[in-house]
Amino acid sequence: MKESTSTCVQTEDMEPKVFKALLHFIYTDSLPEIDEAEALEMIQHLLVAADRYGLKRLKLTCEEKLCSYINTTTVATTLALSEQHACPALKEECLRFLESSNNSTLDLITRSSDFEHLATSCPSIMKELIPKLARKPPFVINYSNM
């Protein structure tokens, strides 16, 4: 291996701050302090790294943290991430969020570019998602009460 003869190891598939957080977790078994503004993105990248390097505990920790970030703007990306990196609890939480959303919210989600990416990158999810959402009653506005 190249690393055995070199004093420097290059990782080109990961941002330095993600690698630093990965090392922090390996040595301390805890996540470092993460700036709230970049927490979602950092946890997503750490999940990918944990899956790539077989760090099950870090992967579960990230999966658990990502569940708290699920909302209308993140659900499609998070669902794709859960499918691509075999995160069943995260996937289930995303599906539960979508099932509990009203039809106008679902319409907003499905019109997003993130949802288009989900549909093209994870077509198997669509086979699972369509029957779940098809069972939802139609969205009806009752104008007589207005």
N, C-alpha and C. Protein backbone atom coordinates (compact mmCIF):
# COMPACT_ATOMS: atom_id res chain seq x y z
N MET A 1 0.83 -1.18 0.00
CA MET A 1 0.00 0.00 0.00
C MET A 1 0.87 1.25 0.00
N LYS A 2 0.41 2.25 -0.67
CA LYS A 2 1.15 3.50 -0.78
C LYS A 2 1.37 4.15 0.59
N GLU A 3 0.37 4.00 1.50
CA GLU A 3 0.45 4.61 2.82
C GLU A 3 1.62 4.09 3.64
N SER A 4 2.07 2.85 3.38
CA SER A 4 3.16 2.27 4.17
C SER A 4 4.50 2.92 3.86
N THR A 5 4.64 3.56 2.73
CA THR A 5 5.91 4.20 2.36
C THR A 5 5.84 5.71 2.39
N SER A 6 4.70 6.26 2.70
CA SER A 6 4.52 7.71 2.68
C SER A 6 4.17 8.21 4.08
N THR A 7 4.52 9.43 4.37
CA THR A 7 4.17 10.03 5.66
C THR A 7 2.85 10.79 5.59
N CYS A 8 2.29 10.85 4.41
CA CYS A 8 1.05 11.60 4.20
C CYS A 8 0.02 10.69 3.52
N VAL A 9 -1.19 10.70 4.05
CA VAL A 9 -2.28 9.94 3.45
C VAL A 9 -3.29 10.93 2.91
N GLN A 10 -3.62 10.80 1.64
CA GLN A 10 -4.59 11.70 1.03
C GLN A 10 -5.94 11.01 0.90
N THR A 11 -6.97 11.71 1.33
CA THR A 11 -8.34 11.24 1.12
C THR A 11 -9.01 12.28 0.24
N GLU A 12 -9.27 11.91 -0.97
CA GLU A 12 -9.82 12.87 -1.94
C GLU A 12 -11.34 12.82 -2.04
N ASP A 13 -11.95 11.86 -1.37
CA ASP A 13 -13.39 11.71 -1.49
C ASP A 13 -14.15 12.29 -0.30
N MET A 14 -13.46 13.13 0.50
CA MET A 14 -14.08 13.65 1.71
C MET A 14 -13.49 15.03 2.03
N GLU A 15 -14.35 15.94 2.47
CA GLU A 15 -13.89 17.25 2.89
C GLU A 15 -13.07 17.12 4.17
N PRO A 16 -12.06 17.96 4.35
CA PRO A 16 -11.23 17.87 5.55
C PRO A 16 -12.02 17.95 6.86
N LYS A 17 -13.03 18.82 6.91
CA LYS A 17 -13.78 18.95 8.17
C LYS A 17 -14.59 17.68 8.46
N VAL A 18 -15.03 16.98 7.43
CA VAL A 18 -15.75 15.73 7.63
C VAL A 18 -14.77 14.66 8.11
N PHE A 19 -13.58 14.63 7.51
CA PHE A 19 -12.56 13.66 7.93
C PHE A 19 -12.15 13.92 9.38
N LYS A 20 -12.02 15.17 9.74
CA LYS A 20 -11.67 15.52 11.11
C LYS A 20 -12.77 15.05 12.08
N ALA A 21 -14.02 15.24 11.71
CA ALA A 21 -15.13 14.79 12.55
C ALA A 21 -15.16 13.26 12.63
N LEU A 22 -14.83 12.60 11.53
CA LEU A 22 -14.76 11.14 11.49
C LEU A 22 -13.69 10.65 12.46
N LEU A 23 -12.51 11.26 12.41
CA LEU A 23 -11.43 10.89 13.33
C LEU A 23 -11.82 11.17 14.78
N HIS A 24 -12.49 12.28 15.00
CA HIS A 24 -12.95 12.61 16.35
C HIS A 24 -13.85 11.50 16.88
N PHE A 25 -14.77 11.05 16.05
CA PHE A 25 -15.68 9.98 16.48
C PHE A 25 -14.91 8.68 16.75
N ILE A 26 -13.97 8.35 15.90
CA ILE A 26 -13.19 7.11 16.06
C ILE A 26 -12.44 7.13 17.40
N TYR A 27 -11.87 8.27 17.76
CA TYR A 27 -11.07 8.35 18.98
C TYR A 27 -11.87 8.62 20.25
N THR A 28 -13.05 9.24 20.12
CA THR A 28 -13.80 9.61 21.33
C THR A 28 -15.16 8.93 21.45
N ASP A 29 -15.60 8.27 20.40
CA ASP A 29 -16.92 7.64 20.35
C ASP A 29 -18.04 8.67 20.56
N SER A 30 -17.78 9.89 20.10
CA SER A 30 -18.81 10.93 20.16
C SER A 30 -18.60 11.88 18.99
N LEU A 31 -19.66 12.56 18.63
CA LEU A 31 -19.57 13.56 17.57
C LEU A 31 -18.95 14.83 18.13
N PRO A 32 -18.18 15.52 17.31
CA PRO A 32 -17.63 16.81 17.78
C PRO A 32 -18.74 17.85 17.81
N GLU A 33 -18.44 19.00 18.43
CA GLU A 33 -19.37 20.12 18.38
C GLU A 33 -19.47 20.56 16.92
N ILE A 34 -20.70 20.66 16.43
CA ILE A 34 -20.93 21.03 15.04
C ILE A 34 -21.75 22.31 15.02
N ASP A 35 -21.31 23.28 14.23
CA ASP A 35 -22.04 24.53 14.06
C ASP A 35 -23.44 24.21 13.55
N GLU A 36 -24.44 24.76 14.18
CA GLU A 36 -25.84 24.46 13.83
C GLU A 36 -26.15 24.76 12.37
N ALA A 37 -25.53 25.80 11.82
CA ALA A 37 -25.79 26.19 10.43
C ALA A 37 -25.34 25.11 9.44
N GLU A 38 -24.34 24.33 9.79
CA GLU A 38 -23.85 23.30 8.87
C GLU A 38 -24.07 21.88 9.40
N ALA A 39 -24.85 21.74 10.45
CA ALA A 39 -25.05 20.44 11.09
C ALA A 39 -25.67 19.41 10.14
N LEU A 40 -26.73 19.78 9.45
CA LEU A 40 -27.40 18.83 8.56
C LEU A 40 -26.44 18.29 7.50
N GLU A 41 -25.76 19.19 6.82
CA GLU A 41 -24.83 18.78 5.77
C GLU A 41 -23.68 17.92 6.33
N MET A 42 -23.16 18.31 7.48
CA MET A 42 -22.07 17.56 8.10
C MET A 42 -22.53 16.15 8.47
N ILE A 43 -23.70 16.04 9.04
CA ILE A 43 -24.20 14.72 9.45
C ILE A 43 -24.47 13.85 8.22
N GLN A 44 -24.97 14.44 7.16
CA GLN A 44 -25.17 13.69 5.91
C GLN A 44 -23.84 13.15 5.39
N HIS A 45 -22.82 14.00 5.37
CA HIS A 45 -21.50 13.57 4.89
C HIS A 45 -20.88 12.52 5.82
N LEU A 46 -21.09 12.68 7.11
CA LEU A 46 -20.57 11.68 8.06
C LEU A 46 -21.26 10.33 7.88
N LEU A 47 -22.55 10.35 7.57
CA LEU A 47 -23.26 9.10 7.31
C LEU A 47 -22.66 8.38 6.11
N VAL A 48 -22.39 9.12 5.06
CA VAL A 48 -21.78 8.54 3.86
C VAL A 48 -20.41 7.95 4.19
N ALA A 49 -19.61 8.70 4.94
CA ALA A 49 -18.27 8.23 5.33
C ALA A 49 -18.37 7.00 6.23
N ALA A 50 -19.29 7.02 7.17
CA ALA A 50 -19.46 5.88 8.08
C ALA A 50 -19.84 4.63 7.31
N ASP A 51 -20.71 4.78 6.33
CA ASP A 51 -21.10 3.64 5.50
C ASP A 51 -19.90 3.15 4.67
N ARG A 52 -19.16 4.06 4.09
CA ARG A 52 -18.01 3.71 3.25
C ARG A 52 -16.94 2.96 4.04
N TYR A 53 -16.70 3.39 5.29
CA TYR A 53 -15.63 2.80 6.09
C TYR A 53 -16.11 1.78 7.12
N GLY A 54 -17.38 1.42 7.06
CA GLY A 54 -17.91 0.37 7.93
C GLY A 54 -17.95 0.73 9.40
N LEU A 55 -18.23 1.99 9.71
CA LEU A 55 -18.33 2.43 11.10
C LEU A 55 -19.80 2.40 11.51
N LYS A 56 -20.25 1.25 11.97
CA LYS A 56 -21.67 1.03 12.23
C LYS A 56 -22.23 1.97 13.30
N ARG A 57 -21.48 2.16 14.36
CA ARG A 57 -21.99 3.02 15.44
C ARG A 57 -22.14 4.47 14.97
N LEU A 58 -21.18 4.96 14.22
CA LEU A 58 -21.28 6.32 13.67
C LEU A 58 -22.45 6.41 12.71
N LYS A 59 -22.63 5.39 11.90
CA LYS A 59 -23.73 5.37 10.95
C LYS A 59 -25.08 5.44 11.68
N LEU A 60 -25.21 4.65 12.74
CA LEU A 60 -26.46 4.67 13.52
C LEU A 60 -26.67 6.01 14.21
N THR A 61 -25.60 6.59 14.69
CA THR A 61 -25.68 7.91 15.34
C THR A 61 -26.15 8.97 14.34
N CYS A 62 -25.57 8.95 13.15
CA CYS A 62 -25.97 9.90 12.11
C CYS A 62 -27.41 9.66 11.67
N GLU A 63 -27.76 8.40 11.53
CA GLU A 63 -29.13 8.05 11.13
C GLU A 63 -30.12 8.61 12.14
N GLU A 64 -29.82 8.44 13.41
CA GLU A 64 -30.70 8.94 14.48
C GLU A 64 -30.79 10.46 14.45
N LYS A 65 -29.66 11.13 14.27
CA LYS A 65 -29.65 12.60 14.22
C LYS A 65 -30.42 13.12 13.00
N LEU A 66 -30.24 12.45 11.85
CA LEU A 66 -30.93 12.90 10.63
C LEU A 66 -32.44 12.80 10.76
N CYS A 67 -32.93 11.87 11.56
CA CYS A 67 -34.38 11.75 11.76
C CYS A 67 -34.97 13.04 12.31
N SER A 68 -34.20 13.76 13.11
CA SER A 68 -34.72 15.00 13.70
C SER A 68 -34.70 16.17 12.71
N TYR A 69 -34.06 16.00 11.57
CA TYR A 69 -34.00 17.06 10.56
C TYR A 69 -35.00 16.87 9.43
N ILE A 70 -35.83 15.86 9.49
CA ILE A 70 -36.77 15.60 8.40
C ILE A 70 -37.88 16.66 8.40
N ASN A 71 -38.02 17.31 7.26
CA ASN A 71 -39.09 18.28 7.05
C ASN A 71 -39.39 18.35 5.55
N THR A 72 -40.23 19.26 5.15
CA THR A 72 -40.63 19.30 3.73
C THR A 72 -39.46 19.57 2.78
N THR A 73 -38.46 20.31 3.23
CA THR A 73 -37.34 20.61 2.35
C THR A 73 -36.24 19.56 2.37
N THR A 74 -36.22 18.69 3.38
CA THR A 74 -35.14 17.70 3.49
C THR A 74 -35.57 16.27 3.23
N VAL A 75 -36.86 16.01 3.23
CA VAL A 75 -37.32 14.62 3.21
C VAL A 75 -36.89 13.85 1.96
N ALA A 76 -36.93 14.46 0.80
CA ALA A 76 -36.57 13.75 -0.43
C ALA A 76 -35.08 13.38 -0.45
N THR A 77 -34.24 14.34 -0.11
CA THR A 77 -32.81 14.08 -0.07
C THR A 77 -32.48 13.04 1.00
N THR A 78 -33.10 13.16 2.14
CA THR A 78 -32.85 12.23 3.24
C THR A 78 -33.32 10.82 2.89
N LEU A 79 -34.44 10.72 2.21
CA LEU A 79 -34.94 9.42 1.78
C LEU A 79 -33.98 8.78 0.77
N ALA A 80 -33.46 9.57 -0.16
CA ALA A 80 -32.49 9.04 -1.12
C ALA A 80 -31.23 8.58 -0.40
N LEU A 81 -30.77 9.35 0.54
CA LEU A 81 -29.58 9.00 1.32
C LEU A 81 -29.81 7.70 2.10
N SER A 82 -30.99 7.57 2.68
CA SER A 82 -31.31 6.35 3.45
C SER A 82 -31.33 5.12 2.56
N GLU A 83 -31.80 5.28 1.37
CA GLU A 83 -31.86 4.15 0.43
C GLU A 83 -30.48 3.80 -0.10
N GLN A 84 -29.69 4.79 -0.43
CA GLN A 84 -28.36 4.56 -1.00
C GLN A 84 -27.37 4.00 0.01
N HIS A 85 -27.62 4.24 1.31
CA HIS A 85 -26.66 3.80 2.33
C HIS A 85 -27.28 2.83 3.33
N ALA A 86 -28.37 2.19 2.94
CA ALA A 86 -29.00 1.13 3.74
C ALA A 86 -29.24 1.55 5.19
N CYS A 87 -30.10 2.55 5.37
CA CYS A 87 -30.46 3.05 6.69
C CYS A 87 -31.96 2.85 6.90
N PRO A 88 -32.36 1.67 7.35
CA PRO A 88 -33.79 1.35 7.43
C PRO A 88 -34.59 2.24 8.38
N ALA A 89 -34.03 2.60 9.53
CA ALA A 89 -34.78 3.45 10.48
C ALA A 89 -35.01 4.84 9.90
N LEU A 90 -34.00 5.37 9.23
CA LEU A 90 -34.12 6.69 8.60
C LEU A 90 -35.12 6.65 7.46
N LYS A 91 -35.07 5.61 6.67
CA LYS A 91 -36.01 5.44 5.57
C LYS A 91 -37.44 5.36 6.11
N GLU A 92 -37.64 4.59 7.15
CA GLU A 92 -38.97 4.44 7.74
C GLU A 92 -39.50 5.77 8.27
N GLU A 93 -38.62 6.55 8.87
CA GLU A 93 -39.02 7.86 9.40
C GLU A 93 -39.41 8.80 8.27
N CYS A 94 -38.69 8.76 7.17
CA CYS A 94 -39.03 9.59 6.00
C CYS A 94 -40.38 9.18 5.43
N LEU A 95 -40.60 7.88 5.30
CA LEU A 95 -41.88 7.39 4.77
C LEU A 95 -43.03 7.77 5.70
N ARG A 96 -42.80 7.69 7.00
CA ARG A 96 -43.82 8.07 7.99
C ARG A 96 -44.14 9.57 7.85
N PHE A 97 -43.10 10.39 7.65
CA PHE A 97 -43.32 11.83 7.46
C PHE A 97 -44.17 12.08 6.22
N LEU A 98 -43.83 11.41 5.13
CA LEU A 98 -44.59 11.60 3.89
C LEU A 98 -46.04 11.13 4.04
N GLU A 99 -46.23 10.00 4.70
CA GLU A 99 -47.60 9.48 4.90
C GLU A 99 -48.43 10.41 5.77
N SER A 100 -47.79 11.09 6.72
CA SER A 100 -48.53 11.96 7.62
C SER A 100 -48.73 13.37 7.05
N SER A 101 -48.08 13.67 5.94
CA SER A 101 -48.21 15.00 5.34
C SER A 101 -49.54 15.14 4.61
N ASN A 102 -50.09 16.35 4.64
CA ASN A 102 -51.34 16.57 3.90
C ASN A 102 -51.02 16.68 2.41
N ASN A 103 -52.03 16.64 1.60
CA ASN A 103 -51.84 16.59 0.14
C ASN A 103 -51.18 17.84 -0.42
N SER A 104 -51.46 19.01 0.14
CA SER A 104 -50.82 20.22 -0.38
C SER A 104 -49.32 20.20 -0.06
N THR A 105 -48.95 19.67 1.09
CA THR A 105 -47.53 19.53 1.44
C THR A 105 -46.87 18.51 0.53
N LEU A 106 -47.54 17.40 0.29
CA LEU A 106 -47.01 16.39 -0.62
C LEU A 106 -46.81 16.95 -2.03
N ASP A 107 -47.75 17.77 -2.44
CA ASP A 107 -47.63 18.41 -3.76
C ASP A 107 -46.38 19.28 -3.82
N LEU A 108 -46.15 20.03 -2.78
CA LEU A 108 -44.95 20.88 -2.69
C LEU A 108 -43.67 20.02 -2.73
N ILE A 109 -43.66 18.94 -1.98
CA ILE A 109 -42.49 18.06 -1.92
C ILE A 109 -42.23 17.41 -3.27
N THR A 110 -43.28 16.88 -3.89
CA THR A 110 -43.09 16.14 -5.15
C THR A 110 -42.73 17.03 -6.33
N ARG A 111 -42.94 18.33 -6.21
CA ARG A 111 -42.57 19.26 -7.28
C ARG A 111 -41.12 19.76 -7.15
N SER A 112 -40.45 19.36 -6.09
CA SER A 112 -39.09 19.85 -5.86
C SER A 112 -38.06 19.10 -6.71
N SER A 113 -36.95 19.75 -6.95
CA SER A 113 -35.86 19.11 -7.71
C SER A 113 -35.25 17.95 -6.90
N ASP A 114 -35.30 18.06 -5.58
CA ASP A 114 -34.80 16.96 -4.73
C ASP A 114 -35.64 15.71 -4.92
N PHE A 115 -36.95 15.89 -5.08
CA PHE A 115 -37.82 14.73 -5.30
C PHE A 115 -37.56 14.13 -6.68
N GLU A 116 -37.31 14.97 -7.67
CA GLU A 116 -36.96 14.47 -9.00
C GLU A 116 -35.68 13.65 -8.94
N HIS A 117 -34.71 14.13 -8.17
CA HIS A 117 -33.46 13.39 -7.98
C HIS A 117 -33.74 12.05 -7.30
N LEU A 118 -34.61 12.05 -6.30
CA LEU A 118 -34.99 10.81 -5.61
C LEU A 118 -35.60 9.82 -6.60
N ALA A 119 -36.50 10.29 -7.44
CA ALA A 119 -37.18 9.42 -8.40
C ALA A 119 -36.22 8.82 -9.41
N THR A 120 -35.21 9.58 -9.83
CA THR A 120 -34.28 9.05 -10.82
C THR A 120 -33.15 8.23 -10.21
N SER A 121 -32.71 8.60 -9.01
CA SER A 121 -31.59 7.88 -8.40
C SER A 121 -32.03 6.66 -7.60
N CYS A 122 -33.26 6.62 -7.16
CA CYS A 122 -33.77 5.50 -6.35
C CYS A 122 -35.16 5.08 -6.81
N PRO A 123 -35.27 4.55 -8.02
CA PRO A 123 -36.60 4.19 -8.52
C PRO A 123 -37.32 3.14 -7.66
N SER A 124 -36.58 2.31 -6.96
CA SER A 124 -37.22 1.30 -6.11
C SER A 124 -38.02 1.95 -4.98
N ILE A 125 -37.58 3.11 -4.54
CA ILE A 125 -38.32 3.84 -3.51
C ILE A 125 -39.69 4.24 -4.02
N MET A 126 -39.76 4.62 -5.28
CA MET A 126 -41.03 5.05 -5.85
C MET A 126 -42.04 3.91 -5.84
N LYS A 127 -41.56 2.69 -6.11
CA LYS A 127 -42.46 1.54 -6.07
C LYS A 127 -43.02 1.32 -4.67
N GLU A 128 -42.25 1.66 -3.68
CA GLU A 128 -42.68 1.52 -2.29
C GLU A 128 -43.54 2.70 -1.84
N LEU A 129 -43.21 3.87 -2.33
CA LEU A 129 -43.86 5.09 -1.90
C LEU A 129 -45.25 5.28 -2.51
N ILE A 130 -45.40 4.99 -3.78
CA ILE A 130 -46.67 5.23 -4.47
C ILE A 130 -47.84 4.51 -3.81
N PRO A 131 -47.76 3.22 -3.51
CA PRO A 131 -48.90 2.57 -2.85
C PRO A 131 -49.23 3.17 -1.48
N LYS A 132 -48.21 3.59 -0.74
CA LYS A 132 -48.46 4.18 0.58
C LYS A 132 -49.21 5.50 0.46
N LEU A 133 -48.80 6.31 -0.52
CA LEU A 133 -49.44 7.61 -0.68
C LEU A 133 -50.77 7.52 -1.40
N ALA A 134 -50.96 6.48 -2.19
CA ALA A 134 -52.22 6.30 -2.91
C ALA A 134 -53.37 6.03 -1.95
N ARG A 135 -53.07 5.53 -0.77
CA ARG A 135 -54.10 5.24 0.22
C ARG A 135 -54.59 6.48 0.96
N LYS A 136 -53.90 7.60 0.76
CA LYS A 136 -54.31 8.83 1.44
C LYS A 136 -55.60 9.36 0.83
N PRO A 137 -56.51 9.84 1.67
CA PRO A 137 -57.74 10.43 1.11
C PRO A 137 -57.41 11.72 0.38
N PRO A 138 -58.21 12.09 -0.60
CA PRO A 138 -57.93 13.33 -1.34
C PRO A 138 -58.06 14.53 -0.43
N PHE A 139 -57.34 15.57 -0.78
CA PHE A 139 -57.36 16.81 -0.04
C PHE A 139 -58.61 17.57 -0.46
N VAL A 140 -59.48 17.85 0.50
CA VAL A 140 -60.74 18.53 0.21
C VAL A 140 -60.84 19.78 1.06
N ILE A 141 -61.14 20.89 0.43
CA ILE A 141 -61.34 22.15 1.14
C ILE A 141 -62.85 22.34 1.31
N ASN A 142 -63.27 22.54 2.53
CA ASN A 142 -64.68 22.76 2.81
C ASN A 142 -64.93 24.26 2.86
N TYR A 143 -65.48 24.80 1.75
CA TYR A 143 -65.70 26.24 1.65
C TYR A 143 -66.92 26.71 2.46
N SER A 144 -67.79 25.81 2.82
CA SER A 144 -68.99 26.22 3.55
C SER A 144 -68.66 26.68 4.96
N ASN A 145 -67.54 26.26 5.49
CA ASN A 145 -67.17 26.69 6.84
C ASN A 145 -66.34 27.97 6.87
N MET A 146 -66.10 28.55 5.71
CA MET A 146 -65.27 29.77 5.65
C MET A 146 -66.11 31.00 5.73
